[in-house]
Amino acid sequence: MAESARKGSAAVPEHEYADEDGRVDLPRLLARFDAGATLVVSQFHEMHAPLARFCRGLERVFLHPVQANIYLTPPGSQGFRIHYDTHDVVVLQVEGTKRWRVWPGQPLPHPTRRIPWAGGGSVQPEGEPVTLTLAPGDALYLPRGVMHDAEVDEDASGASLHITVGLFEPAWAEVLRDLLLLLETDAAEGVALRQGFPSWRLADPDAAPALAAGAAERLNGLATPAALERLALRLLDRLAAERMPLPARGLLTPPPGLEDRLRIADTMHHHLVPQPDGGAVLRWSGGAEPLDATRLEWLQRLEEGATPAELGGNGEDALAFCRHLAAWGLLERAG
């Protein structure tokens, strides 16, 4: 819970609405809400299936993590004071109205999770804010670093509920750190990175050009198609592994039959790595599956939907393949 009227941090201490073991004390929570505190439910996409599918669809488009928090604010109240976020945000107004103030520019350009909002007046907004009121169905895009706040009018007819969708696009610094770690351990590609840095030359002003040239040479070595391909695989593997899997099956879902129309589930992150022999490796949060050219063709046909019987042959091999993928939750029944 959060309440801007509090002294110090706007965050309401947990002991004011929860027991010592962390369980919510509903009477006290209701009292805090009635007194003006905003109810915040973080990571709500992990509890609400439609929102989970919505975020998963955005992740498939942008290829980076997406999360959703919800905020329920009573009339005449404000949750958090003016601040910036360290990731892009899309605000979706669900119920009621909320008045937002958005300041142009970014006093601290493109902050990351390493530069979180500290409050205390250390960063001040620039210029005059743009004021707008969101009604149900409205959306607002806020790039990271843009300062903003929001409140519900005193005369509002009811509470305001909005979803904040966080888009966690990695910064260049984060991506380059990943790439350096990948290449450092590569026997061939990482030779130049593993060479010693002549720190004893730092005190020599005449050595500065040579040191700068050495750094530039190694940075240029990161910008190769092979390095970028390894980085892409690293980021896709991380997306699949770190996001909560949403398999297209339950504990008691029966295995597919020969005539069941199936398609690849769009809620399970997966990607293909082409192989020189014409096949590929299917990678997802559960592991990696080598595919020969025939099975790769089957998988491609399953993108649009097909029955095991339609995939070719007598259907038994295709059925076994489909049942194997369905057991991992990678296939769902189509229509």
C-alpha atoms as a PDB file:
ATOM      1  CA  MET A   1       0.000   0.000   0.000  1.00  0.00           C
ATOM      2  CA  ALA A   2       1.123   3.579  -0.662  1.00  0.00           C
ATOM      3  CA  GLU A   3      -0.078   6.999   0.476  1.00  0.00           C
ATOM      4  CA  SER A   4       1.555  10.258  -0.577  1.00  0.00           C
ATOM      5  CA  ALA A   5       0.242  12.101   2.503  1.00  0.00           C
ATOM      6  CA  ARG A   6       2.571  10.118   4.776  1.00  0.00           C
ATOM      7  CA  LYS A   7       5.760  11.699   6.118  1.00  0.00           C
ATOM      8  CA  GLY A   8       8.910  10.249   4.608  1.00  0.00           C
ATOM      9  CA  SER A   9       8.351   7.334   2.278  1.00  0.00           C
ATOM     10  CA  ALA A  10       4.902   7.001   0.722  1.00  0.00           C
ATOM     11  CA  ALA A  11       5.043   3.234   1.194  1.00  0.00           C
ATOM     12  CA  VAL A  12       2.748   2.094   4.014  1.00  0.00           C
ATOM     13  CA  PRO A  13       4.694  -0.189   6.406  1.00  0.00           C
ATOM     14  CA  GLU A  14       3.529  -3.761   6.038  1.00  0.00           C
ATOM     15  CA  HIS A  15       2.756  -4.166   9.727  1.00  0.00           C
ATOM     16  CA  GLU A  16      -0.096  -1.647   9.339  1.00  0.00           C
ATOM     17  CA  TYR A  17      -2.122  -4.030   7.140  1.00  0.00           C
ATOM     18  CA  ALA A  18      -0.536  -7.493   7.557  1.00  0.00           C
ATOM     19  CA  ASP A  19       0.339  -9.947  10.285  1.00  0.00           C
ATOM     20  CA  GLU A  20       3.898 -10.784  11.319  1.00  0.00           C
ATOM     21  CA  ASP A  21       3.946 -13.763   8.960  1.00  0.00           C
ATOM     22  CA  GLY A  22       3.077 -11.526   6.004  1.00  0.00           C
ATOM     23  CA  ARG A  23      -0.556 -12.594   5.626  1.00  0.00           C
ATOM     24  CA  VAL A  24      -2.942  -9.717   4.892  1.00  0.00           C
ATOM     25  CA  ASP A  25      -5.108  -8.574   7.785  1.00  0.00           C
ATOM     26  CA  LEU A  26      -8.236  -7.605   5.857  1.00  0.00           C
ATOM     27  CA  PRO A  27      -9.898  -5.375   8.494  1.00  0.00           C
ATOM     28  CA  ARG A  28      -6.721  -3.309   8.853  1.00  0.00           C
ATOM     29  CA  LEU A  29      -6.177  -3.238   5.080  1.00  0.00           C
ATOM     30  CA  LEU A  30      -9.713  -1.955   4.564  1.00  0.00           C
ATOM     31  CA  ALA A  31      -9.139   0.692   7.227  1.00  0.00           C
ATOM     32  CA  ARG A  32      -5.964   1.879   5.525  1.00  0.00           C
ATOM     33  CA  PHE A  33      -7.765   2.021   2.154  1.00  0.00           C
ATOM     34  CA  ASP A  34     -10.656   3.992   3.661  1.00  0.00           C
ATOM     35  CA  ALA A  35      -8.095   6.419   5.097  1.00  0.00           C
ATOM     36  CA  GLY A  36      -6.652   7.088   1.633  1.00  0.00           C
ATOM     37  CA  ALA A  37      -3.991   4.456   0.961  1.00  0.00           C
ATOM     38  CA  THR A  38      -3.631   3.003  -2.527  1.00  0.00           C
ATOM     39  CA  LEU A  39      -3.701  -0.781  -2.816  1.00  0.00           C
ATOM     40  CA  VAL A  40      -0.806  -2.029  -4.972  1.00  0.00           C
ATOM     41  CA  VAL A  41      -0.646  -5.597  -6.249  1.00  0.00           C
ATOM     42  CA  SER A  42       2.717  -6.217  -7.916  1.00  0.00           C
ATOM     43  CA  GLN A  43       3.249  -8.911 -10.542  1.00  0.00           C
ATOM     44  CA  PHE A  44      -0.511  -9.306 -10.932  1.00  0.00           C
ATOM     45  CA  HIS A  45       0.084 -11.092 -14.257  1.00  0.00           C
ATOM     46  CA  GLU A  46       1.274 -14.072 -12.207  1.00  0.00           C
ATOM     47  CA  MET A  47      -2.172 -14.315 -10.558  1.00  0.00           C
ATOM     48  CA  HIS A  48      -4.598 -13.343 -13.319  1.00  0.00           C
ATOM     49  CA  ALA A  49      -4.606 -15.582 -16.409  1.00  0.00           C
ATOM     50  CA  PRO A  50      -5.948 -13.040 -18.969  1.00  0.00           C
ATOM     51  CA  LEU A  51      -3.321 -10.495 -17.906  1.00  0.00           C
ATOM     52  CA  ALA A  52      -0.657 -13.215 -18.027  1.00  0.00           C
ATOM     53  CA  ARG A  53      -1.561 -13.983 -21.644  1.00  0.00           C
ATOM     54  CA  PHE A  54      -1.579 -10.262 -22.469  1.00  0.00           C
ATOM     55  CA  CYS A  55       1.944  -9.789 -21.069  1.00  0.00           C
ATOM     56  CA  ARG A  56       3.152 -12.970 -22.773  1.00  0.00           C
ATOM     57  CA  GLY A  57       1.925 -11.617 -26.102  1.00  0.00           C
ATOM     58  CA  LEU A  58       3.874  -8.388 -25.568  1.00  0.00           C
ATOM     59  CA  GLU A  59       6.972 -10.415 -24.662  1.00  0.00           C
ATOM     60  CA  ARG A  60       6.694 -12.328 -27.925  1.00  0.00           C
ATOM     61  CA  VAL A  61       6.586  -9.023 -29.822  1.00  0.00           C
ATOM     62  CA  PHE A  62       9.337  -7.135 -27.982  1.00  0.00           C
ATOM     63  CA  LEU A  63      11.517 -10.116 -26.906  1.00  0.00           C
ATOM     64  CA  HIS A  64      12.103  -8.732 -23.423  1.00  0.00           C
ATOM     65  CA  PRO A  65      10.315  -9.198 -20.062  1.00  0.00           C
ATOM     66  CA  VAL A  66       6.947  -7.549 -19.428  1.00  0.00           C
ATOM     67  CA  GLN A  67       5.163  -7.323 -16.075  1.00  0.00           C
ATOM     68  CA  ALA A  68       1.917  -5.822 -14.804  1.00  0.00           C
ATOM     69  CA  ASN A  69       1.059  -4.179 -11.480  1.00  0.00           C
ATOM     70  CA  ILE A  70      -2.384  -2.907 -10.491  1.00  0.00           C
ATOM     71  CA  TYR A  71      -3.226   0.190  -8.440  1.00  0.00           C
ATOM     72  CA  LEU A  72      -6.560   0.825  -6.719  1.00  0.00           C
ATOM     73  CA  THR A  73      -6.800   4.375  -5.359  1.00  0.00           C
ATOM     74  CA  PRO A  74      -9.745   5.804  -3.347  1.00  0.00           C
ATOM     75  CA  PRO A  75     -11.234   9.223  -4.196  1.00  0.00           C
ATOM     76  CA  GLY A  76      -9.217  12.250  -3.122  1.00  0.00           C
ATOM     77  CA  SER A  77      -6.005  10.272  -2.768  1.00  0.00           C
ATOM     78  CA  GLN A  78      -2.610   9.752  -4.316  1.00  0.00           C
ATOM     79  CA  GLY A  79      -0.373   6.709  -4.010  1.00  0.00           C
ATOM     80  CA  PHE A  80       3.188   7.644  -4.948  1.00  0.00           C
ATOM     81  CA  ARG A  81       4.513  11.172  -5.217  1.00  0.00           C
ATOM     82  CA  ILE A  82       6.257  12.547  -8.278  1.00  0.00           C
ATOM     83  CA  HIS A  83       8.898  10.099  -9.512  1.00  0.00           C
ATOM     84  CA  TYR A  84      10.357   8.425 -12.584  1.00  0.00           C
ATOM     85  CA  ASP A  85      10.458   4.728 -13.462  1.00  0.00           C
ATOM     86  CA  THR A  86      13.559   2.860 -14.610  1.00  0.00           C
ATOM     87  CA  HIS A  87      11.648   1.080 -17.379  1.00  0.00           C
ATOM     88  CA  ASP A  88       9.074   2.119 -19.954  1.00  0.00           C
ATOM     89  CA  VAL A  89       5.481   2.000 -18.754  1.00  0.00           C
ATOM     90  CA  VAL A  90       2.086   1.727 -20.419  1.00  0.00           C
ATOM     91  CA  VAL A  91      -0.773   2.767 -18.111  1.00  0.00           C
ATOM     92  CA  LEU A  92      -4.150   1.144 -18.853  1.00  0.00           C
ATOM     93  CA  GLN A  93      -7.113   2.746 -17.099  1.00  0.00           C
ATOM     94  CA  VAL A  94      -9.693   0.102 -16.133  1.00  0.00           C
ATOM     95  CA  GLU A  95     -12.259   1.714 -13.817  1.00  0.00           C
ATOM     96  CA  GLY A  96     -12.872   5.229 -12.583  1.00  0.00           C
ATOM     97  CA  THR A  97     -10.687   8.165 -13.603  1.00  0.00           C
ATOM     98  CA  LYS A  98      -7.246   9.352 -12.600  1.00  0.00           C
ATOM     99  CA  ARG A  99      -5.557  12.694 -13.247  1.00  0.00           C
ATOM    100  CA  TRP A 100      -1.921  12.486 -14.321  1.00  0.00           C
ATOM    101  CA  ARG A 101       0.795  15.107 -14.445  1.00  0.00           C
ATOM    102  CA  VAL A 102       3.658  14.397 -16.839  1.00  0.00           C
ATOM    103  CA  TRP A 103       6.758  16.600 -17.023  1.00  0.00           C
ATOM    104  CA  PRO A 104       8.545  16.989 -20.365  1.00  0.00           C
ATOM    105  CA  GLY A 105      12.152  15.931 -20.674  1.00  0.00           C
ATOM    106  CA  GLN A 106      14.265  13.697 -18.487  1.00  0.00           C
ATOM    107  CA  PRO A 107      16.375  15.407 -15.797  1.00  0.00           C
ATOM    108  CA  LEU A 108      18.294  12.133 -15.495  1.00  0.00           C
ATOM    109  CA  PRO A 109      18.291  10.693 -19.049  1.00  0.00           C
ATOM    110  CA  HIS A 110      17.474   6.997 -19.459  1.00  0.00           C
ATOM    111  CA  PRO A 111      17.882   5.781 -15.855  1.00  0.00           C
ATOM    112  CA  THR A 112      18.280   2.039 -15.345  1.00  0.00           C
ATOM    113  CA  ARG A 113      17.731  -0.288 -12.402  1.00  0.00           C
ATOM    114  CA  ARG A 114      21.218   0.725 -11.259  1.00  0.00           C
ATOM    115  CA  ILE A 115      19.943   4.313 -10.919  1.00  0.00           C
ATOM    116  CA  PRO A 116      16.591   3.832  -9.145  1.00  0.00           C
ATOM    117  CA  TRP A 117      14.413   6.697  -7.974  1.00  0.00           C
ATOM    118  CA  ALA A 118      15.851   7.864  -4.664  1.00  0.00           C
ATOM    119  CA  GLY A 119      13.364  10.631  -3.815  1.00  0.00           C
ATOM    120  CA  GLY A 120      14.300  13.315  -1.329  1.00  0.00           C
ATOM    121  CA  GLY A 121      14.430  16.064  -3.943  1.00  0.00           C
ATOM    122  CA  SER A 122      17.677  14.789  -5.485  1.00  0.00           C
ATOM    123  CA  VAL A 123      16.111  15.061  -8.963  1.00  0.00           C
ATOM    124  CA  GLN A 124      13.676  17.825  -9.797  1.00  0.00           C
ATOM    125  CA  PRO A 125      11.276  17.990 -12.775  1.00  0.00           C
ATOM    126  CA  GLU A 126      11.936  20.483 -15.538  1.00  0.00           C
ATOM    127  CA  GLY A 127       9.331  22.797 -17.052  1.00  0.00           C
ATOM    128  CA  GLU A 128       5.574  22.771 -16.567  1.00  0.00           C
ATOM    129  CA  PRO A 129       3.666  19.484 -16.468  1.00  0.00           C
ATOM    130  CA  VAL A 130       1.122  18.318 -18.983  1.00  0.00           C
ATOM    131  CA  THR A 131      -2.090  17.381 -17.161  1.00  0.00           C
ATOM    132  CA  LEU A 132      -4.500  14.779 -18.489  1.00  0.00           C
ATOM    133  CA  THR A 133      -7.275  12.628 -17.082  1.00  0.00           C
ATOM    134  CA  LEU A 134      -7.523   8.969 -18.019  1.00  0.00           C
ATOM    135  CA  ALA A 135     -10.955   7.341 -18.281  1.00  0.00           C
ATOM    136  CA  PRO A 136     -11.714   3.616 -18.656  1.00  0.00           C
ATOM    137  CA  GLY A 137     -10.222   2.371 -21.926  1.00  0.00           C
ATOM    138  CA  ASP A 138      -7.547   5.108 -22.113  1.00  0.00           C
ATOM    139  CA  ALA A 139      -3.833   4.329 -22.282  1.00  0.00           C
ATOM    140  CA  LEU A 140      -0.777   6.429 -21.477  1.00  0.00           C
ATOM    141  CA  TYR A 141       2.832   5.700 -22.504  1.00  0.00           C
ATOM    142  CA  LEU A 142       5.575   6.913 -20.145  1.00  0.00           C
ATOM    143  CA  PRO A 143       9.197   6.384 -21.235  1.00  0.00           C
ATOM    144  CA  ARG A 144      11.624   5.593 -18.430  1.00  0.00           C
ATOM    145  CA  GLY A 145      13.053   8.697 -16.834  1.00  0.00           C
ATOM    146  CA  VAL A 146       9.948  10.828 -17.489  1.00  0.00           C
ATOM    147  CA  MET A 147       8.743  12.258 -14.193  1.00  0.00           C
ATOM    148  CA  HIS A 148       5.061  11.921 -13.331  1.00  0.00           C
ATOM    149  CA  ASP A 149       2.469  11.539 -10.615  1.00  0.00           C
ATOM    150  CA  ALA A 150      -1.234  10.695 -10.488  1.00  0.00           C
ATOM    151  CA  GLU A 151      -4.188  11.259  -8.157  1.00  0.00           C
ATOM    152  CA  VAL A 152      -7.928  10.745  -7.950  1.00  0.00           C
ATOM    153  CA  ASP A 153     -10.140  13.821  -7.572  1.00  0.00           C
ATOM    154  CA  GLU A 154     -11.930  14.349  -4.270  1.00  0.00           C
ATOM    155  CA  ASP A 155     -15.305  14.507  -6.029  1.00  0.00           C
ATOM    156  CA  ALA A 156     -14.733  11.338  -8.063  1.00  0.00           C
ATOM    157  CA  SER A 157     -17.695   8.964  -8.079  1.00  0.00           C
ATOM    158  CA  GLY A 158     -15.572   5.999  -7.037  1.00  0.00           C
ATOM    159  CA  ALA A 159     -12.121   4.492  -6.752  1.00  0.00           C
ATOM    160  CA  SER A 160      -9.709   4.397  -9.678  1.00  0.00           C
ATOM    161  CA  LEU A 161      -8.195   1.142 -10.915  1.00  0.00           C
ATOM    162  CA  HIS A 162      -5.365   1.086 -13.439  1.00  0.00           C
ATOM    163  CA  ILE A 163      -2.813  -1.417 -14.678  1.00  0.00           C
ATOM    164  CA  THR A 164       0.802  -0.406 -15.071  1.00  0.00           C
ATOM    165  CA  VAL A 165       2.471  -2.536 -17.723  1.00  0.00           C
ATOM    166  CA  GLY A 166       6.256  -2.449 -17.323  1.00  0.00           C
ATOM    167  CA  LEU A 167       8.423  -2.984 -20.417  1.00  0.00           C
ATOM    168  CA  PHE A 168      11.891  -4.132 -19.342  1.00  0.00           C
ATOM    169  CA  GLU A 169      13.910  -3.407 -22.443  1.00  0.00           C
ATOM    170  CA  PRO A 170      17.612  -3.978 -21.627  1.00  0.00           C
ATOM    171  CA  ALA A 171      19.996  -1.039 -21.781  1.00  0.00           C
ATOM    172  CA  TRP A 172      23.071  -1.096 -23.998  1.00  0.00           C
ATOM    173  CA  ALA A 173      25.267  -1.268 -20.904  1.00  0.00           C
ATOM    174  CA  GLU A 174      23.490  -4.428 -19.719  1.00  0.00           C
ATOM    175  CA  VAL A 175      23.711  -6.058 -23.141  1.00  0.00           C
ATOM    176  CA  LEU A 176      27.398  -5.220 -23.532  1.00  0.00           C
ATOM    177  CA  ARG A 177      28.155  -6.651 -20.080  1.00  0.00           C
ATOM    178  CA  ASP A 178      26.464  -9.885 -21.129  1.00  0.00           C
ATOM    179  CA  LEU A 179      28.392  -9.987 -24.383  1.00  0.00           C
ATOM    180  CA  LEU A 180      31.729  -9.360 -22.647  1.00  0.00           C
ATOM    181  CA  LEU A 181      31.088 -12.243 -20.250  1.00  0.00           C
ATOM    182  CA  LEU A 182      30.090 -14.519 -23.117  1.00  0.00           C
ATOM    183  CA  LEU A 183      33.160 -13.792 -25.205  1.00  0.00           C
ATOM    184  CA  GLU A 184      35.633 -13.712 -22.314  1.00  0.00           C
ATOM    185  CA  THR A 185      35.239 -17.455 -21.809  1.00  0.00           C
ATOM    186  CA  ASP A 186      35.340 -18.284 -25.527  1.00  0.00           C
ATOM    187  CA  ALA A 187      38.613 -20.031 -26.333  1.00  0.00           C
ATOM    188  CA  ALA A 188      39.029 -18.285 -29.687  1.00  0.00           C
ATOM    189  CA  GLU A 189      36.866 -15.153 -29.623  1.00  0.00           C
ATOM    190  CA  GLY A 190      37.943 -14.003 -26.162  1.00  0.00           C
ATOM    191  CA  VAL A 191      41.728 -13.960 -26.590  1.00  0.00           C
ATOM    192  CA  ALA A 192      42.012 -10.182 -26.871  1.00  0.00           C
ATOM    193  CA  LEU A 193      39.669  -9.668 -23.894  1.00  0.00           C
ATOM    194  CA  ARG A 194      41.741 -11.958 -21.692  1.00  0.00           C
ATOM    195  CA  GLN A 195      44.997 -10.172 -22.386  1.00  0.00           C
ATOM    196  CA  GLY A 196      46.416  -8.146 -19.518  1.00  0.00           C
ATOM    197  CA  PHE A 197      45.499  -4.490 -19.172  1.00  0.00           C
ATOM    198  CA  PRO A 198      48.737  -2.484 -18.657  1.00  0.00           C
ATOM    199  CA  SER A 199      47.606  -0.617 -15.552  1.00  0.00           C
ATOM    200  CA  TRP A 200      51.232   0.377 -14.887  1.00  0.00           C
ATOM    201  CA  ARG A 201      50.918   2.740 -17.878  1.00  0.00           C
ATOM    202  CA  LEU A 202      48.029   4.721 -16.392  1.00  0.00           C
ATOM    203  CA  ALA A 203      50.459   7.197 -14.818  1.00  0.00           C
ATOM    204  CA  ASP A 204      52.083   7.881 -18.206  1.00  0.00           C
ATOM    205  CA  PRO A 205      50.196  10.662 -20.070  1.00  0.00           C
ATOM    206  CA  ASP A 206      51.837   9.612 -23.332  1.00  0.00           C
ATOM    207  CA  ALA A 207      50.255   6.152 -23.049  1.00  0.00           C
ATOM    208  CA  ALA A 208      46.660   7.410 -23.109  1.00  0.00           C
ATOM    209  CA  PRO A 209      46.252   7.221 -26.919  1.00  0.00           C
ATOM    210  CA  ALA A 210      47.540   3.628 -26.983  1.00  0.00           C
ATOM    211  CA  LEU A 211      45.227   2.563 -24.142  1.00  0.00           C
ATOM    212  CA  ALA A 212      42.225   4.230 -25.817  1.00  0.00           C
ATOM    213  CA  ALA A 213      43.092   2.489 -29.084  1.00  0.00           C
ATOM    214  CA  GLY A 214      43.313  -0.858 -27.289  1.00  0.00           C
ATOM    215  CA  ALA A 215      39.877  -0.338 -25.753  1.00  0.00           C
ATOM    216  CA  ALA A 216      38.393   0.697 -29.106  1.00  0.00           C
ATOM    217  CA  GLU A 217      39.904  -2.366 -30.822  1.00  0.00           C
ATOM    218  CA  ARG A 218      38.323  -4.698 -28.278  1.00  0.00           C
ATOM    219  CA  LEU A 219      34.961  -2.949 -28.438  1.00  0.00           C
ATOM    220  CA  ASN A 220      34.997  -3.218 -32.221  1.00  0.00           C
ATOM    221  CA  GLY A 221      35.596  -6.921 -31.779  1.00  0.00           C
ATOM    222  CA  LEU A 222      32.184  -7.181 -30.095  1.00  0.00           C
ATOM    223  CA  ALA A 223      30.403  -5.891 -33.184  1.00  0.00           C
ATOM    224  CA  THR A 224      30.577  -9.041 -35.305  1.00  0.00           C
ATOM    225  CA  PRO A 225      27.662 -11.094 -36.678  1.00  0.00           C
ATOM    226  CA  ALA A 226      28.842 -14.148 -34.714  1.00  0.00           C
ATOM    227  CA  ALA A 227      28.988 -12.197 -31.441  1.00  0.00           C
ATOM    228  CA  LEU A 228      25.553 -10.689 -31.983  1.00  0.00           C
ATOM    229  CA  GLU A 229      24.126 -14.116 -32.796  1.00  0.00           C
ATOM    230  CA  ARG A 230      25.455 -15.495 -29.513  1.00  0.00           C
ATOM    231  CA  LEU A 231      24.045 -12.498 -27.676  1.00  0.00           C
ATOM    232  CA  ALA A 232      20.628 -12.977 -29.287  1.00  0.00           C
ATOM    233  CA  LEU A 233      20.570 -16.624 -28.182  1.00  0.00           C
ATOM    234  CA  ARG A 234      21.580 -15.601 -24.652  1.00  0.00           C
ATOM    235  CA  LEU A 235      18.771 -13.027 -24.400  1.00  0.00           C
ATOM    236  CA  LEU A 236      16.143 -15.396 -25.842  1.00  0.00           C
ATOM    237  CA  ASP A 237      17.209 -18.199 -23.494  1.00  0.00           C
ATOM    238  CA  ARG A 238      17.009 -15.808 -20.544  1.00  0.00           C
ATOM    239  CA  LEU A 239      13.531 -14.631 -21.556  1.00  0.00           C
ATOM    240  CA  ALA A 240      12.315 -18.230 -21.755  1.00  0.00           C
ATOM    241  CA  ALA A 241      13.941 -19.258 -18.478  1.00  0.00           C
ATOM    242  CA  GLU A 242      13.120 -16.246 -16.294  1.00  0.00           C
ATOM    243  CA  ARG A 243       9.475 -15.714 -17.191  1.00  0.00           C
ATOM    244  CA  MET A 244       6.844 -17.884 -15.552  1.00  0.00           C
ATOM    245  CA  PRO A 245       6.016 -20.741 -17.964  1.00  0.00           C
ATOM    246  CA  LEU A 246       2.404 -20.889 -19.116  1.00  0.00           C
ATOM    247  CA  PRO A 247       2.127 -24.440 -20.491  1.00  0.00           C
ATOM    248  CA  ALA A 248      -0.850 -25.265 -22.677  1.00  0.00           C
ATOM    249  CA  ARG A 249      -1.884 -28.198 -20.490  1.00  0.00           C
ATOM    250  CA  GLY A 250      -2.846 -29.128 -16.962  1.00  0.00           C
ATOM    251  CA  LEU A 251      -2.100 -32.139 -14.787  1.00  0.00           C
ATOM    252  CA  LEU A 252      -5.021 -34.112 -16.247  1.00  0.00           C
ATOM    253  CA  THR A 253      -4.975 -32.909 -19.861  1.00  0.00           C
ATOM    254  CA  PRO A 254      -5.214 -36.018 -22.083  1.00  0.00           C
ATOM    255  CA  PRO A 255      -2.516 -36.549 -24.734  1.00  0.00           C
ATOM    256  CA  PRO A 256      -3.520 -35.577 -28.284  1.00  0.00           C
ATOM    257  CA  GLY A 257      -4.948 -38.092 -30.711  1.00  0.00           C
ATOM    258  CA  LEU A 258      -4.149 -38.719 -34.361  1.00  0.00           C
ATOM    259  CA  GLU A 259      -6.993 -36.497 -35.610  1.00  0.00           C
ATOM    260  CA  ASP A 260      -6.698 -33.702 -33.021  1.00  0.00           C
ATOM    261  CA  ARG A 261      -5.870 -30.364 -34.637  1.00  0.00           C
ATOM    262  CA  LEU A 262      -2.886 -28.897 -32.799  1.00  0.00           C
ATOM    263  CA  ARG A 263      -0.853 -25.720 -32.904  1.00  0.00           C
ATOM    264  CA  ILE A 264       2.163 -24.319 -31.100  1.00  0.00           C
ATOM    265  CA  ALA A 265       1.112 -22.623 -27.872  1.00  0.00           C
ATOM    266  CA  ASP A 266       1.821 -18.906 -27.959  1.00  0.00           C
ATOM    267  CA  THR A 267       2.094 -18.771 -24.159  1.00  0.00           C
ATOM    268  CA  MET A 268       5.308 -20.833 -23.949  1.00  0.00           C
ATOM    269  CA  HIS A 269       8.406 -18.886 -24.962  1.00  0.00           C
ATOM    270  CA  HIS A 270      10.437 -20.889 -27.456  1.00  0.00           C
ATOM    271  CA  HIS A 271      12.857 -20.248 -30.294  1.00  0.00           C
ATOM    272  CA  LEU A 272      14.665 -22.178 -33.019  1.00  0.00           C
ATOM    273  CA  VAL A 273      18.403 -22.294 -33.632  1.00  0.00           C
ATOM    274  CA  PRO A 274      19.121 -23.400 -37.238  1.00  0.00           C
ATOM    275  CA  GLN A 275      21.701 -26.161 -37.712  1.00  0.00           C
ATOM    276  CA  PRO A 276      24.051 -26.751 -40.678  1.00  0.00           C
ATOM    277  CA  ASP A 277      22.387 -30.097 -41.517  1.00  0.00           C
ATOM    278  CA  GLY A 278      19.057 -28.433 -42.324  1.00  0.00           C
ATOM    279  CA  GLY A 279      17.534 -29.177 -38.951  1.00  0.00           C
ATOM    280  CA  ALA A 280      17.304 -26.987 -35.869  1.00  0.00           C
ATOM    281  CA  VAL A 281      17.323 -27.012 -32.078  1.00  0.00           C
ATOM    282  CA  LEU A 282      14.060 -26.075 -30.367  1.00  0.00           C
ATOM    283  CA  ARG A 283      14.835 -24.245 -27.124  1.00  0.00           C
ATOM    284  CA  TRP A 284      12.381 -23.326 -24.357  1.00  0.00           C
ATOM    285  CA  SER A 285      12.286 -23.066 -20.563  1.00  0.00           C
ATOM    286  CA  GLY A 286      12.177 -26.872 -20.242  1.00  0.00           C
ATOM    287  CA  GLY A 287      15.328 -27.536 -22.232  1.00  0.00           C
ATOM    288  CA  ALA A 288      16.431 -28.086 -25.819  1.00  0.00           C
ATOM    289  CA  GLU A 289      15.157 -30.540 -28.437  1.00  0.00           C
ATOM    290  CA  PRO A 290      17.157 -31.404 -31.592  1.00  0.00           C
ATOM    291  CA  LEU A 291      14.984 -31.519 -34.699  1.00  0.00           C
ATOM    292  CA  ASP A 292      15.925 -33.147 -37.981  1.00  0.00           C
ATOM    293  CA  ALA A 293      14.668 -31.613 -41.240  1.00  0.00           C
ATOM    294  CA  THR A 294      11.439 -33.667 -41.137  1.00  0.00           C
ATOM    295  CA  ARG A 295      10.524 -32.680 -37.581  1.00  0.00           C
ATOM    296  CA  LEU A 296      11.438 -29.087 -38.287  1.00  0.00           C
ATOM    297  CA  GLU A 297       8.954 -29.123 -41.168  1.00  0.00           C
ATOM    298  CA  TRP A 298       6.327 -30.634 -38.859  1.00  0.00           C
ATOM    299  CA  LEU A 299       6.937 -27.888 -36.320  1.00  0.00           C
ATOM    300  CA  GLN A 300       6.585 -25.217 -38.981  1.00  0.00           C
ATOM    301  CA  ARG A 301       3.252 -26.697 -40.095  1.00  0.00           C
ATOM    302  CA  LEU A 302       2.089 -26.739 -36.483  1.00  0.00           C
ATOM    303  CA  GLU A 303       2.561 -22.961 -36.372  1.00  0.00           C
ATOM    304  CA  GLU A 304      -0.666 -22.649 -38.391  1.00  0.00           C
ATOM    305  CA  GLY A 305      -2.326 -25.778 -37.013  1.00  0.00           C
ATOM    306  CA  ALA A 306      -2.369 -29.387 -38.215  1.00  0.00           C
ATOM    307  CA  THR A 307      -3.330 -32.865 -37.073  1.00  0.00           C
ATOM    308  CA  PRO A 308      -0.648 -35.523 -36.559  1.00  0.00           C
ATOM    309  CA  ALA A 309      -2.286 -37.479 -39.393  1.00  0.00           C
ATOM    310  CA  GLU A 310      -1.753 -34.527 -41.766  1.00  0.00           C
ATOM    311  CA  LEU A 311       1.960 -34.255 -41.034  1.00  0.00           C
ATOM    312  CA  GLY A 312       2.868 -37.208 -43.248  1.00  0.00           C
ATOM    313  CA  GLY A 313       3.741 -40.902 -43.264  1.00  0.00           C
ATOM    314  CA  ASN A 314       1.542 -43.273 -41.342  1.00  0.00           C
ATOM    315  CA  GLY A 315       1.099 -40.641 -38.688  1.00  0.00           C
ATOM    316  CA  GLU A 316       2.509 -42.674 -35.806  1.00  0.00           C
ATOM    317  CA  ASP A 317       5.889 -40.931 -35.775  1.00  0.00           C
ATOM    318  CA  ALA A 318       4.202 -37.559 -36.055  1.00  0.00           C
ATOM    319  CA  LEU A 319       1.784 -38.496 -33.252  1.00  0.00           C
ATOM    320  CA  ALA A 320       4.666 -39.472 -30.971  1.00  0.00           C
ATOM    321  CA  PHE A 321       6.400 -36.174 -31.801  1.00  0.00           C
ATOM    322  CA  CYS A 322       3.245 -34.168 -31.056  1.00  0.00           C
ATOM    323  CA  ARG A 323       2.610 -35.998 -27.809  1.00  0.00           C
ATOM    324  CA  HIS A 324       6.183 -35.316 -26.735  1.00  0.00           C
ATOM    325  CA  LEU A 325       5.786 -31.563 -27.331  1.00  0.00           C
ATOM    326  CA  ALA A 326       2.292 -31.539 -25.803  1.00  0.00           C
ATOM    327  CA  ALA A 327       3.660 -33.151 -22.636  1.00  0.00           C
ATOM    328  CA  TRP A 328       5.915 -30.115 -22.212  1.00  0.00           C
ATOM    329  CA  GLY A 329       2.974 -27.780 -22.800  1.00  0.00           C
ATOM    330  CA  LEU A 330       4.323 -26.562 -26.138  1.00  0.00           C
ATOM    331  CA  LEU A 331       1.258 -27.635 -28.138  1.00  0.00           C
ATOM    332  CA  GLU A 332      -2.403 -26.829 -27.631  1.00  0.00           C
ATOM    333  CA  ARG A 333      -5.580 -28.000 -29.300  1.00  0.00           C
ATOM    334  CA  ALA A 334      -6.617 -25.576 -32.029  1.00  0.00           C
ATOM    335  CA  GLY A 335     -10.274 -24.631 -31.972  1.00  0.00           C
END
